Amino acid sequence: MGSTAVKPARRFLHICYCCHDVEPVTEFLVNGLGLRLVMRTPKEWGPGKILGIDRDTYGETTFVYDQRGARVSPAVEVQAWIDPALEGAPSLDPLEVGVKALGFSVRKIDETVARLTGMGCTVAFNGRSPFGLAARMVDATGVTIEIMENALLSEGHAQFRHLRVTSTNLDASLPFYERLGFALIERASFSEGSWAGAPEAVDGEFARLRLPDEPFEVQLVQWNTPASHGRHYANPQHAGLFRMALGVEDTRAAYEELKAEGVVFERPPMDVILNGTPVPEMWICFLNDPDGVPFEFVQRPRAAFK
């Protein structure tokens, strides 16, 4: 992959959270983490071809941002699958390849843990991780939420911080992420795994990555002993954290350039309209990292953001 080529991705737009009902998940994000419900699509039928489904699908979606607002913050795209029905359960095995956790910064970890526990979350870990003091919690639908402390934030208002992804081979994954536009912030090893639900004694590595227009991170984690295994689930209606949307200036131009370099896309760009929202029509296409973790390019000019 050529180092002189334009790197298309500028920022995270959203992380898809697949569930069977948007209401309890949205309520949890708003009341538990202080996020803001900004947009909602109506419950309706729509074309499934954009996601590789050969028929119309029926569902509903909400978009929930942190207090910085939609022109700064990424979002959780809470997507309810009704037809086809939601399938499977979020993976809780830290060694299994795929998206493992969505991370937030909060003013005080202990107060947030207490609040989320009262809303049905289970505390899986509270202590020191390779990234600092952190708490790992599992919400009522089985999705893992990680929280870390930032004393500069307002109480009760979480801020999007990171996405943790298990990889089989950092040396294979990093060129892919860097070609999209991610910059490597830090790469290091670790020898203790209880922070992620792995055995206490492990051998692993991580790489912290960031896009140029925001501080939200991807934490790629490679487990050596015991080893990472499997592949990210493929069906878009699988429960849990599924895919990540990245903002690009021109989806079709990015598609043509990366395709010419040998990057494999799921299908050519398609024009999509989000009914019931102020978002204009947009061009979208999908591609996967070397472990099958799905990303989408969404056409969003930098001028649309602060």
C-alpha atoms as a PDB file:
ATOM      1  CA  MET A   1       0.000   0.000   0.000  1.00  0.00           C
ATOM      2  CA  GLY A   2       1.587   3.244  -1.164  1.00  0.00           C
ATOM      3  CA  SER A   3       2.673   5.676   1.534  1.00  0.00           C
ATOM      4  CA  THR A   4       2.140   8.723  -0.707  1.00  0.00           C
ATOM      5  CA  ALA A   5      -1.545   7.993  -1.375  1.00  0.00           C
ATOM      6  CA  VAL A   6      -4.248  10.123   0.240  1.00  0.00           C
ATOM      7  CA  LYS A   7      -5.527   8.479   3.422  1.00  0.00           C
ATOM      8  CA  PRO A   8      -9.309   8.826   3.263  1.00  0.00           C
ATOM      9  CA  ALA A   9     -10.621   8.377   6.824  1.00  0.00           C
ATOM     10  CA  ARG A  10     -10.700  11.493   9.014  1.00  0.00           C
ATOM     11  CA  ARG A  11     -12.863  10.636  12.026  1.00  0.00           C
ATOM     12  CA  PHE A  12     -15.207   8.089  13.595  1.00  0.00           C
ATOM     13  CA  LEU A  13     -18.866   8.705  12.838  1.00  0.00           C
ATOM     14  CA  HIS A  14     -20.542   5.876  14.707  1.00  0.00           C
ATOM     15  CA  ILE A  15     -20.255   2.391  16.173  1.00  0.00           C
ATOM     16  CA  CYS A  16     -23.161   0.062  15.428  1.00  0.00           C
ATOM     17  CA  TYR A  17     -24.792  -1.588  18.468  1.00  0.00           C
ATOM     18  CA  CYS A  18     -27.157  -4.331  17.243  1.00  0.00           C
ATOM     19  CA  CYS A  19     -30.073  -5.248  19.496  1.00  0.00           C
ATOM     20  CA  HIS A  20     -33.720  -6.342  19.297  1.00  0.00           C
ATOM     21  CA  ASP A  21     -35.197  -3.124  20.748  1.00  0.00           C
ATOM     22  CA  VAL A  22     -33.696   0.381  20.590  1.00  0.00           C
ATOM     23  CA  GLU A  23     -35.620   1.730  23.585  1.00  0.00           C
ATOM     24  CA  PRO A  24     -33.865   0.053  26.567  1.00  0.00           C
ATOM     25  CA  VAL A  25     -30.424   0.423  24.993  1.00  0.00           C
ATOM     26  CA  THR A  26     -30.982   4.096  24.180  1.00  0.00           C
ATOM     27  CA  GLU A  27     -32.365   4.717  27.673  1.00  0.00           C
ATOM     28  CA  PHE A  28     -29.294   3.061  29.192  1.00  0.00           C
ATOM     29  CA  LEU A  29     -26.898   5.184  27.152  1.00  0.00           C
ATOM     30  CA  VAL A  30     -28.775   8.403  27.918  1.00  0.00           C
ATOM     31  CA  ASN A  31     -29.576   7.851  31.605  1.00  0.00           C
ATOM     32  CA  GLY A  32     -26.565   5.750  32.536  1.00  0.00           C
ATOM     33  CA  LEU A  33     -23.801   7.531  30.646  1.00  0.00           C
ATOM     34  CA  GLY A  34     -25.306  10.964  30.093  1.00  0.00           C
ATOM     35  CA  LEU A  35     -25.301  10.689  26.299  1.00  0.00           C
ATOM     36  CA  ARG A  36     -27.773  12.533  24.057  1.00  0.00           C
ATOM     37  CA  LEU A  37     -30.373  11.051  21.737  1.00  0.00           C
ATOM     38  CA  VAL A  38     -30.052  13.230  18.629  1.00  0.00           C
ATOM     39  CA  MET A  39     -31.603  11.321  15.723  1.00  0.00           C
ATOM     40  CA  ARG A  40     -34.032   8.482  15.160  1.00  0.00           C
ATOM     41  CA  THR A  41     -35.132   6.712  11.997  1.00  0.00           C
ATOM     42  CA  PRO A  42     -38.734   5.471  11.859  1.00  0.00           C
ATOM     43  CA  LYS A  43     -39.524   1.796  12.298  1.00  0.00           C
ATOM     44  CA  GLU A  44     -39.845   0.782   8.666  1.00  0.00           C
ATOM     45  CA  TRP A  45     -38.826  -1.506   5.820  1.00  0.00           C
ATOM     46  CA  GLY A  46     -35.689  -0.610   3.900  1.00  0.00           C
ATOM     47  CA  PRO A  47     -33.295  -2.088   1.340  1.00  0.00           C
ATOM     48  CA  GLY A  48     -30.985  -4.713   2.806  1.00  0.00           C
ATOM     49  CA  LYS A  49     -28.569  -4.729  -0.111  1.00  0.00           C
ATOM     50  CA  ILE A  50     -26.342  -2.069   1.438  1.00  0.00           C
ATOM     51  CA  LEU A  51     -25.538  -4.625   4.177  1.00  0.00           C
ATOM     52  CA  GLY A  52     -25.335  -7.599   1.837  1.00  0.00           C
ATOM     53  CA  ILE A  53     -28.844  -8.890   2.554  1.00  0.00           C
ATOM     54  CA  ASP A  54     -30.752  -9.829  -0.608  1.00  0.00           C
ATOM     55  CA  ARG A  55     -34.148  -8.575   0.579  1.00  0.00           C
ATOM     56  CA  ASP A  56     -35.719  -5.677   2.441  1.00  0.00           C
ATOM     57  CA  THR A  57     -35.193  -5.496   6.193  1.00  0.00           C
ATOM     58  CA  TYR A  58     -37.405  -4.123   8.961  1.00  0.00           C
ATOM     59  CA  GLY A  59     -36.051  -2.260  11.945  1.00  0.00           C
ATOM     60  CA  GLU A  60     -35.426   1.003  13.743  1.00  0.00           C
ATOM     61  CA  THR A  61     -32.338   3.049  14.611  1.00  0.00           C
ATOM     62  CA  THR A  62     -31.339   5.755  17.067  1.00  0.00           C
ATOM     63  CA  PHE A  63     -28.123   7.812  17.067  1.00  0.00           C
ATOM     64  CA  VAL A  64     -26.766   8.731  20.496  1.00  0.00           C
ATOM     65  CA  TYR A  65     -23.909  11.245  20.942  1.00  0.00           C
ATOM     66  CA  ASP A  66     -21.992  12.540  23.932  1.00  0.00           C
ATOM     67  CA  GLN A  67     -22.480  16.078  25.237  1.00  0.00           C
ATOM     68  CA  ARG A  68     -20.135  17.608  22.660  1.00  0.00           C
ATOM     69  CA  GLY A  69     -22.858  17.173  20.057  1.00  0.00           C
ATOM     70  CA  ALA A  70     -23.217  15.649  16.614  1.00  0.00           C
ATOM     71  CA  ARG A  71     -20.665  17.956  14.978  1.00  0.00           C
ATOM     72  CA  VAL A  72     -17.893  16.774  17.316  1.00  0.00           C
ATOM     73  CA  SER A  73     -18.767  13.490  18.990  1.00  0.00           C
ATOM     74  CA  PRO A  74     -18.961  10.042  17.421  1.00  0.00           C
ATOM     75  CA  ALA A  75     -22.240   8.211  18.008  1.00  0.00           C
ATOM     76  CA  VAL A  76     -23.602   4.863  18.982  1.00  0.00           C
ATOM     77  CA  GLU A  77     -25.896   3.747  16.181  1.00  0.00           C
ATOM     78  CA  VAL A  78     -28.403   1.659  18.120  1.00  0.00           C
ATOM     79  CA  GLN A  79     -29.915  -0.642  15.507  1.00  0.00           C
ATOM     80  CA  ALA A  80     -32.921  -2.844  16.257  1.00  0.00           C
ATOM     81  CA  TRP A  81     -33.232  -5.941  14.076  1.00  0.00           C
ATOM     82  CA  ILE A  82     -36.819  -7.141  13.723  1.00  0.00           C
ATOM     83  CA  ASP A  83     -36.824  -8.855  10.320  1.00  0.00           C
ATOM     84  CA  PRO A  84     -34.459 -10.568   9.925  1.00  0.00           C
ATOM     85  CA  ALA A  85     -34.388 -11.148  13.642  1.00  0.00           C
ATOM     86  CA  LEU A  86     -31.408 -10.405  15.830  1.00  0.00           C
ATOM     87  CA  GLU A  87     -29.173 -13.454  16.191  1.00  0.00           C
ATOM     88  CA  GLY A  88     -26.442 -14.673  18.507  1.00  0.00           C
ATOM     89  CA  ALA A  89     -25.035 -12.985  21.590  1.00  0.00           C
ATOM     90  CA  PRO A  90     -22.169 -10.499  22.076  1.00  0.00           C
ATOM     91  CA  SER A  91     -18.820 -12.262  22.467  1.00  0.00           C
ATOM     92  CA  LEU A  92     -17.359 -12.091  25.969  1.00  0.00           C
ATOM     93  CA  ASP A  93     -14.237 -14.090  25.107  1.00  0.00           C
ATOM     94  CA  PRO A  94     -11.381 -11.535  24.999  1.00  0.00           C
ATOM     95  CA  LEU A  95      -9.271 -13.887  22.865  1.00  0.00           C
ATOM     96  CA  GLU A  96     -11.932 -14.237  20.177  1.00  0.00           C
ATOM     97  CA  VAL A  97     -11.249 -11.936  17.245  1.00  0.00           C
ATOM     98  CA  GLY A  98     -13.569  -8.962  16.818  1.00  0.00           C
ATOM     99  CA  VAL A  99     -14.905  -5.858  18.517  1.00  0.00           C
ATOM    100  CA  LYS A 100     -14.739  -6.490  22.256  1.00  0.00           C
ATOM    101  CA  ALA A 101     -15.639  -3.271  24.073  1.00  0.00           C
ATOM    102  CA  LEU A 102     -16.743   0.326  23.715  1.00  0.00           C
ATOM    103  CA  GLY A 103     -14.879   2.671  26.048  1.00  0.00           C
ATOM    104  CA  PHE A 104     -15.869   5.964  27.666  1.00  0.00           C
ATOM    105  CA  SER A 105     -14.156   8.550  29.835  1.00  0.00           C
ATOM    106  CA  VAL A 106     -16.027   9.638  32.978  1.00  0.00           C
ATOM    107  CA  ARG A 107     -15.312  12.070  35.795  1.00  0.00           C
ATOM    108  CA  LYS A 108     -15.272   9.386  38.531  1.00  0.00           C
ATOM    109  CA  ILE A 109     -15.112   5.652  37.866  1.00  0.00           C
ATOM    110  CA  ASP A 110     -16.631   4.547  41.179  1.00  0.00           C
ATOM    111  CA  GLU A 111     -19.689   6.780  40.865  1.00  0.00           C
ATOM    112  CA  THR A 112     -20.287   5.633  37.313  1.00  0.00           C
ATOM    113  CA  VAL A 113     -19.884   1.977  38.303  1.00  0.00           C
ATOM    114  CA  ALA A 114     -22.463   2.420  41.041  1.00  0.00           C
ATOM    115  CA  ARG A 115     -24.929   4.096  38.683  1.00  0.00           C
ATOM    116  CA  LEU A 116     -24.520   1.510  35.919  1.00  0.00           C
ATOM    117  CA  THR A 117     -24.761  -1.367  38.372  1.00  0.00           C
ATOM    118  CA  GLY A 118     -28.110   0.036  39.449  1.00  0.00           C
ATOM    119  CA  MET A 119     -29.194  -0.073  35.804  1.00  0.00           C
ATOM    120  CA  GLY A 120     -28.469  -3.785  35.383  1.00  0.00           C
ATOM    121  CA  CYS A 121     -24.769  -3.805  34.483  1.00  0.00           C
ATOM    122  CA  THR A 122     -22.406  -6.390  35.928  1.00  0.00           C
ATOM    123  CA  VAL A 123     -18.933  -5.375  37.076  1.00  0.00           C
ATOM    124  CA  ALA A 124     -16.383  -7.704  35.466  1.00  0.00           C
ATOM    125  CA  PHE A 125     -13.204  -5.822  36.444  1.00  0.00           C
ATOM    126  CA  ASN A 126     -12.193  -2.717  38.360  1.00  0.00           C
ATOM    127  CA  GLY A 127      -8.485  -1.971  38.559  1.00  0.00           C
ATOM    128  CA  ARG A 128      -5.467  -1.284  36.368  1.00  0.00           C
ATOM    129  CA  SER A 129      -5.300  -2.188  32.699  1.00  0.00           C
ATOM    130  CA  PRO A 130      -2.410  -1.567  30.267  1.00  0.00           C
ATOM    131  CA  PHE A 131      -4.183   1.700  29.431  1.00  0.00           C
ATOM    132  CA  GLY A 132      -4.612   2.948  33.020  1.00  0.00           C
ATOM    133  CA  LEU A 133      -7.208   2.631  35.767  1.00  0.00           C
ATOM    134  CA  ALA A 134     -10.385   1.189  34.273  1.00  0.00           C
ATOM    135  CA  ALA A 135     -13.612  -0.631  34.982  1.00  0.00           C
ATOM    136  CA  ARG A 136     -15.038  -3.243  32.619  1.00  0.00           C
ATOM    137  CA  MET A 137     -18.786  -3.780  32.793  1.00  0.00           C
ATOM    138  CA  VAL A 138     -21.261  -5.936  30.905  1.00  0.00           C
ATOM    139  CA  ASP A 139     -24.593  -4.254  30.205  1.00  0.00           C
ATOM    140  CA  ALA A 140     -28.023  -5.869  30.256  1.00  0.00           C
ATOM    141  CA  THR A 141     -27.762  -7.052  26.640  1.00  0.00           C
ATOM    142  CA  GLY A 142     -24.277  -8.533  27.073  1.00  0.00           C
ATOM    143  CA  VAL A 143     -22.227  -5.729  25.491  1.00  0.00           C
ATOM    144  CA  THR A 144     -18.968  -4.826  27.231  1.00  0.00           C
ATOM    145  CA  ILE A 145     -18.549  -1.201  28.312  1.00  0.00           C
ATOM    146  CA  GLU A 146     -15.193   0.069  29.598  1.00  0.00           C
ATOM    147  CA  ILE A 147     -14.823   3.275  31.563  1.00  0.00           C
ATOM    148  CA  MET A 148     -11.746   5.301  32.435  1.00  0.00           C
ATOM    149  CA  GLU A 149     -11.363   8.434  34.515  1.00  0.00           C
ATOM    150  CA  ASN A 150     -10.998  12.011  33.273  1.00  0.00           C
ATOM    151  CA  ALA A 151     -11.313  14.599  36.036  1.00  0.00           C
ATOM    152  CA  LEU A 152     -11.975  17.379  33.502  1.00  0.00           C
ATOM    153  CA  LEU A 153     -15.373  16.006  32.502  1.00  0.00           C
ATOM    154  CA  SER A 154     -18.716  17.042  33.981  1.00  0.00           C
ATOM    155  CA  GLU A 155     -20.240  14.582  36.422  1.00  0.00           C
ATOM    156  CA  GLY A 156     -22.754  12.242  34.816  1.00  0.00           C
ATOM    157  CA  HIS A 157     -21.618  12.955  31.254  1.00  0.00           C
ATOM    158  CA  ALA A 158     -19.418  10.294  29.677  1.00  0.00           C
ATOM    159  CA  GLN A 159     -17.301  11.000  26.609  1.00  0.00           C
ATOM    160  CA  PHE A 160     -16.465   8.526  23.851  1.00  0.00           C
ATOM    161  CA  ARG A 161     -12.899   7.304  24.395  1.00  0.00           C
ATOM    162  CA  HIS A 162     -11.980   4.038  22.644  1.00  0.00           C
ATOM    163  CA  LEU A 163     -12.955   0.856  20.900  1.00  0.00           C
ATOM    164  CA  ARG A 164     -11.115  -2.348  21.847  1.00  0.00           C
ATOM    165  CA  VAL A 165     -10.616  -4.896  19.078  1.00  0.00           C
ATOM    166  CA  THR A 166      -8.926  -8.308  19.276  1.00  0.00           C
ATOM    167  CA  SER A 167      -6.548  -8.976  16.387  1.00  0.00           C
ATOM    168  CA  THR A 168      -4.647 -12.109  15.397  1.00  0.00           C
ATOM    169  CA  ASN A 169      -1.570 -10.303  14.075  1.00  0.00           C
ATOM    170  CA  LEU A 170      -0.731  -6.636  14.606  1.00  0.00           C
ATOM    171  CA  ASP A 171       1.908  -6.728  11.900  1.00  0.00           C
ATOM    172  CA  ALA A 172      -0.781  -7.715   9.396  1.00  0.00           C
ATOM    173  CA  SER A 173      -3.456  -5.349  10.724  1.00  0.00           C
ATOM    174  CA  LEU A 174      -1.475  -2.135  11.203  1.00  0.00           C
ATOM    175  CA  PRO A 175      -0.744  -1.497   7.495  1.00  0.00           C
ATOM    176  CA  PHE A 176      -4.469  -1.789   6.774  1.00  0.00           C
ATOM    177  CA  TYR A 177      -5.446   0.698   9.495  1.00  0.00           C
ATOM    178  CA  GLU A 178      -2.653   3.101   8.614  1.00  0.00           C
ATOM    179  CA  ARG A 179      -3.673   3.045   4.945  1.00  0.00           C
ATOM    180  CA  LEU A 180      -7.201   4.092   5.936  1.00  0.00           C
ATOM    181  CA  GLY A 181      -5.846   7.083   7.852  1.00  0.00           C
ATOM    182  CA  PHE A 182      -5.099   5.868  11.388  1.00  0.00           C
ATOM    183  CA  ALA A 183      -1.856   6.951  13.077  1.00  0.00           C
ATOM    184  CA  LEU A 184      -0.040   4.713  15.548  1.00  0.00           C
ATOM    185  CA  ILE A 185       0.113   6.398  18.970  1.00  0.00           C
ATOM    186  CA  GLU A 186       1.721   3.606  20.979  1.00  0.00           C
ATOM    187  CA  ARG A 187       2.662  -0.052  20.664  1.00  0.00           C
ATOM    188  CA  ALA A 188       3.605  -2.082  23.718  1.00  0.00           C
ATOM    189  CA  SER A 189       3.402  -5.511  25.330  1.00  0.00           C
ATOM    190  CA  PHE A 190       1.596  -6.682  28.479  1.00  0.00           C
ATOM    191  CA  SER A 191       1.750  -9.769  30.697  1.00  0.00           C
ATOM    192  CA  GLU A 192      -1.465  -9.620  32.766  1.00  0.00           C
ATOM    193  CA  GLY A 193      -4.884 -10.314  31.260  1.00  0.00           C
ATOM    194  CA  SER A 194      -7.567 -10.114  33.952  1.00  0.00           C
ATOM    195  CA  TRP A 195      -8.456  -6.550  32.884  1.00  0.00           C
ATOM    196  CA  ALA A 196      -9.967  -8.055  29.705  1.00  0.00           C
ATOM    197  CA  GLY A 197     -11.291 -11.296  31.195  1.00  0.00           C
ATOM    198  CA  ALA A 198      -8.279 -13.370  30.092  1.00  0.00           C
ATOM    199  CA  PRO A 199      -6.027 -15.504  32.336  1.00  0.00           C
ATOM    200  CA  GLU A 200      -3.989 -13.554  34.839  1.00  0.00           C
ATOM    201  CA  ALA A 201      -0.631 -14.507  33.276  1.00  0.00           C
ATOM    202  CA  VAL A 202      -0.516 -13.858  29.531  1.00  0.00           C
ATOM    203  CA  ASP A 203       1.736 -12.670  26.749  1.00  0.00           C
ATOM    204  CA  GLY A 204       0.153  -9.991  24.590  1.00  0.00           C
ATOM    205  CA  GLU A 205       0.685  -6.796  22.634  1.00  0.00           C
ATOM    206  CA  PHE A 206      -1.459  -3.772  21.872  1.00  0.00           C
ATOM    207  CA  ALA A 207      -1.420  -0.879  19.438  1.00  0.00           C
ATOM    208  CA  ARG A 208      -3.272   2.376  20.043  1.00  0.00           C
ATOM    209  CA  LEU A 209      -4.489   4.079  16.868  1.00  0.00           C
ATOM    210  CA  ARG A 210      -6.177   7.411  16.198  1.00  0.00           C
ATOM    211  CA  LEU A 211      -7.671   9.243  13.233  1.00  0.00           C
ATOM    212  CA  PRO A 212      -6.487  12.834  12.577  1.00  0.00           C
ATOM    213  CA  ASP A 213      -9.614  14.810  13.461  1.00  0.00           C
ATOM    214  CA  GLU A 214     -10.501  13.499  16.942  1.00  0.00           C
ATOM    215  CA  PRO A 215      -9.084  11.790  20.070  1.00  0.00           C
ATOM    216  CA  PHE A 216     -11.237   8.616  19.869  1.00  0.00           C
ATOM    217  CA  GLU A 217      -8.937   5.564  19.742  1.00  0.00           C
ATOM    218  CA  VAL A 218      -8.903   2.020  18.423  1.00  0.00           C
ATOM    219  CA  GLN A 219      -7.039  -0.332  20.739  1.00  0.00           C
ATOM    220  CA  LEU A 220      -5.899  -3.348  18.730  1.00  0.00           C
ATOM    221  CA  VAL A 221      -4.970  -6.222  21.045  1.00  0.00           C
ATOM    222  CA  GLN A 222      -3.012  -9.295  19.944  1.00  0.00           C
ATOM    223  CA  TRP A 223      -2.985 -12.232  22.366  1.00  0.00           C
ATOM    224  CA  ASN A 224       0.042 -14.508  21.961  1.00  0.00           C
ATOM    225  CA  THR A 225      -0.195 -16.860  24.961  1.00  0.00           C
ATOM    226  CA  PRO A 226      -2.976 -17.870  25.050  1.00  0.00           C
ATOM    227  CA  ALA A 227      -3.459 -16.910  21.414  1.00  0.00           C
ATOM    228  CA  SER A 228      -6.137 -14.851  19.674  1.00  0.00           C
ATOM    229  CA  HIS A 229      -8.482 -17.082  17.714  1.00  0.00           C
ATOM    230  CA  GLY A 230     -11.490 -17.067  15.364  1.00  0.00           C
ATOM    231  CA  ARG A 231     -12.834 -14.315  13.165  1.00  0.00           C
ATOM    232  CA  HIS A 232     -15.293 -11.467  13.651  1.00  0.00           C
ATOM    233  CA  TYR A 233     -18.883 -12.555  13.083  1.00  0.00           C
ATOM    234  CA  ALA A 234     -20.062 -11.830   9.567  1.00  0.00           C
ATOM    235  CA  ASN A 235     -23.843 -11.349   9.684  1.00  0.00           C
ATOM    236  CA  PRO A 236     -24.907  -7.702  10.165  1.00  0.00           C
ATOM    237  CA  GLN A 237     -27.830  -8.724  12.428  1.00  0.00           C
ATOM    238  CA  HIS A 238     -25.545 -10.355  15.012  1.00  0.00           C
ATOM    239  CA  ALA A 239     -26.078  -9.008  18.530  1.00  0.00           C
ATOM    240  CA  GLY A 240     -23.502  -6.644  19.948  1.00  0.00           C
ATOM    241  CA  LEU A 241     -20.952  -4.200  18.562  1.00  0.00           C
ATOM    242  CA  PHE A 242     -20.770  -4.917  14.855  1.00  0.00           C
ATOM    243  CA  ARG A 243     -19.276  -2.278  12.537  1.00  0.00           C
ATOM    244  CA  MET A 244     -17.687   1.171  12.620  1.00  0.00           C
ATOM    245  CA  ALA A 245     -18.398   4.097  10.299  1.00  0.00           C
ATOM    246  CA  LEU A 246     -15.525   6.349   9.233  1.00  0.00           C
ATOM    247  CA  GLY A 247     -16.039   9.781   7.702  1.00  0.00           C
ATOM    248  CA  VAL A 248     -14.382  10.385   4.321  1.00  0.00           C
ATOM    249  CA  GLU A 249     -14.537  13.320   1.912  1.00  0.00           C
ATOM    250  CA  ASP A 250     -15.516  11.277  -1.143  1.00  0.00           C
ATOM    251  CA  THR A 251     -16.592   7.651  -0.752  1.00  0.00           C
ATOM    252  CA  ARG A 252     -16.482   6.816  -4.444  1.00  0.00           C
ATOM    253  CA  ALA A 253     -13.000   8.286  -4.918  1.00  0.00           C
ATOM    254  CA  ALA A 254     -11.678   6.432  -1.851  1.00  0.00           C
ATOM    255  CA  TYR A 255     -13.253   3.209  -3.095  1.00  0.00           C
ATOM    256  CA  GLU A 256     -11.675   3.491  -6.541  1.00  0.00           C
ATOM    257  CA  GLU A 257      -8.218   4.355  -5.182  1.00  0.00           C
ATOM    258  CA  LEU A 258      -8.086   1.612  -2.556  1.00  0.00           C
ATOM    259  CA  LYS A 259      -9.633  -0.963  -4.875  1.00  0.00           C
ATOM    260  CA  ALA A 260      -6.897  -0.217  -7.434  1.00  0.00           C
ATOM    261  CA  GLU A 261      -4.357  -1.010  -4.698  1.00  0.00           C
ATOM    262  CA  GLY A 262      -5.948  -4.398  -4.044  1.00  0.00           C
ATOM    263  CA  VAL A 263      -8.153  -3.551  -1.046  1.00  0.00           C
ATOM    264  CA  VAL A 264     -11.243  -5.770  -1.142  1.00  0.00           C
ATOM    265  CA  PHE A 265     -14.653  -4.136  -0.602  1.00  0.00           C
ATOM    266  CA  GLU A 266     -17.878  -5.964   0.142  1.00  0.00           C
ATOM    267  CA  ARG A 267     -19.708  -4.183  -2.699  1.00  0.00           C
ATOM    268  CA  PRO A 268     -19.481  -0.884  -4.630  1.00  0.00           C
ATOM    269  CA  PRO A 269     -20.607   2.391  -2.995  1.00  0.00           C
ATOM    270  CA  MET A 270     -24.358   2.951  -2.678  1.00  0.00           C
ATOM    271  CA  ASP A 271     -26.397   6.093  -2.142  1.00  0.00           C
ATOM    272  CA  VAL A 272     -28.378   5.953   1.130  1.00  0.00           C
ATOM    273  CA  ILE A 273     -31.059   8.196   2.639  1.00  0.00           C
ATOM    274  CA  LEU A 274     -31.786   8.146   6.398  1.00  0.00           C
ATOM    275  CA  ASN A 275     -35.518   8.831   6.578  1.00  0.00           C
ATOM    276  CA  GLY A 276     -36.669  10.921   9.506  1.00  0.00           C
ATOM    277  CA  THR A 277     -33.274  12.545  10.109  1.00  0.00           C
ATOM    278  CA  PRO A 278     -31.648  15.802   8.918  1.00  0.00           C
ATOM    279  CA  VAL A 279     -28.728  13.842   7.452  1.00  0.00           C
ATOM    280  CA  PRO A 280     -28.491  14.397   3.673  1.00  0.00           C
ATOM    281  CA  GLU A 281     -28.198  11.507   1.269  1.00  0.00           C
ATOM    282  CA  MET A 282     -24.796   9.889   1.491  1.00  0.00           C
ATOM    283  CA  TRP A 283     -22.560   7.435  -0.307  1.00  0.00           C
ATOM    284  CA  ILE A 284     -21.527   4.371   1.715  1.00  0.00           C
ATOM    285  CA  CYS A 285     -19.344   1.322   1.103  1.00  0.00           C
ATOM    286  CA  PHE A 286     -18.026  -1.495   3.299  1.00  0.00           C
ATOM    287  CA  LEU A 287     -14.668  -3.182   3.778  1.00  0.00           C
ATOM    288  CA  ASN A 288     -13.131  -5.475   6.388  1.00  0.00           C
ATOM    289  CA  ASP A 289      -9.834  -5.461   8.237  1.00  0.00           C
ATOM    290  CA  PRO A 290      -7.592  -8.573   7.947  1.00  0.00           C
ATOM    291  CA  ASP A 291      -9.604 -10.289  10.713  1.00  0.00           C
ATOM    292  CA  GLY A 292     -12.987  -9.537   9.162  1.00  0.00           C
ATOM    293  CA  VAL A 293     -13.824  -6.574  11.428  1.00  0.00           C
ATOM    294  CA  PRO A 294     -16.218  -4.461   9.330  1.00  0.00           C
ATOM    295  CA  PHE A 295     -15.796  -0.775   8.582  1.00  0.00           C
ATOM    296  CA  GLU A 296     -17.864   1.507   6.416  1.00  0.00           C
ATOM    297  CA  PHE A 297     -16.869   4.653   4.579  1.00  0.00           C
ATOM    298  CA  VAL A 298     -19.523   7.361   4.898  1.00  0.00           C
ATOM    299  CA  GLN A 299     -19.240  10.524   2.821  1.00  0.00           C
ATOM    300  CA  ARG A 300     -19.023  13.417   5.270  1.00  0.00           C
ATOM    301  CA  PRO A 301     -16.969  16.514   4.330  1.00  0.00           C
ATOM    302  CA  ARG A 302     -14.724  17.894   7.042  1.00  0.00           C
ATOM    303  CA  ALA A 303     -16.662  21.177   6.754  1.00  0.00           C
ATOM    304  CA  ALA A 304     -19.625  19.435   8.456  1.00  0.00           C
ATOM    305  CA  PHE A 305     -17.680  19.194  11.723  1.00  0.00           C
ATOM    306  CA  LYS A 306     -16.291  21.657  14.219  1.00  0.00           C
END
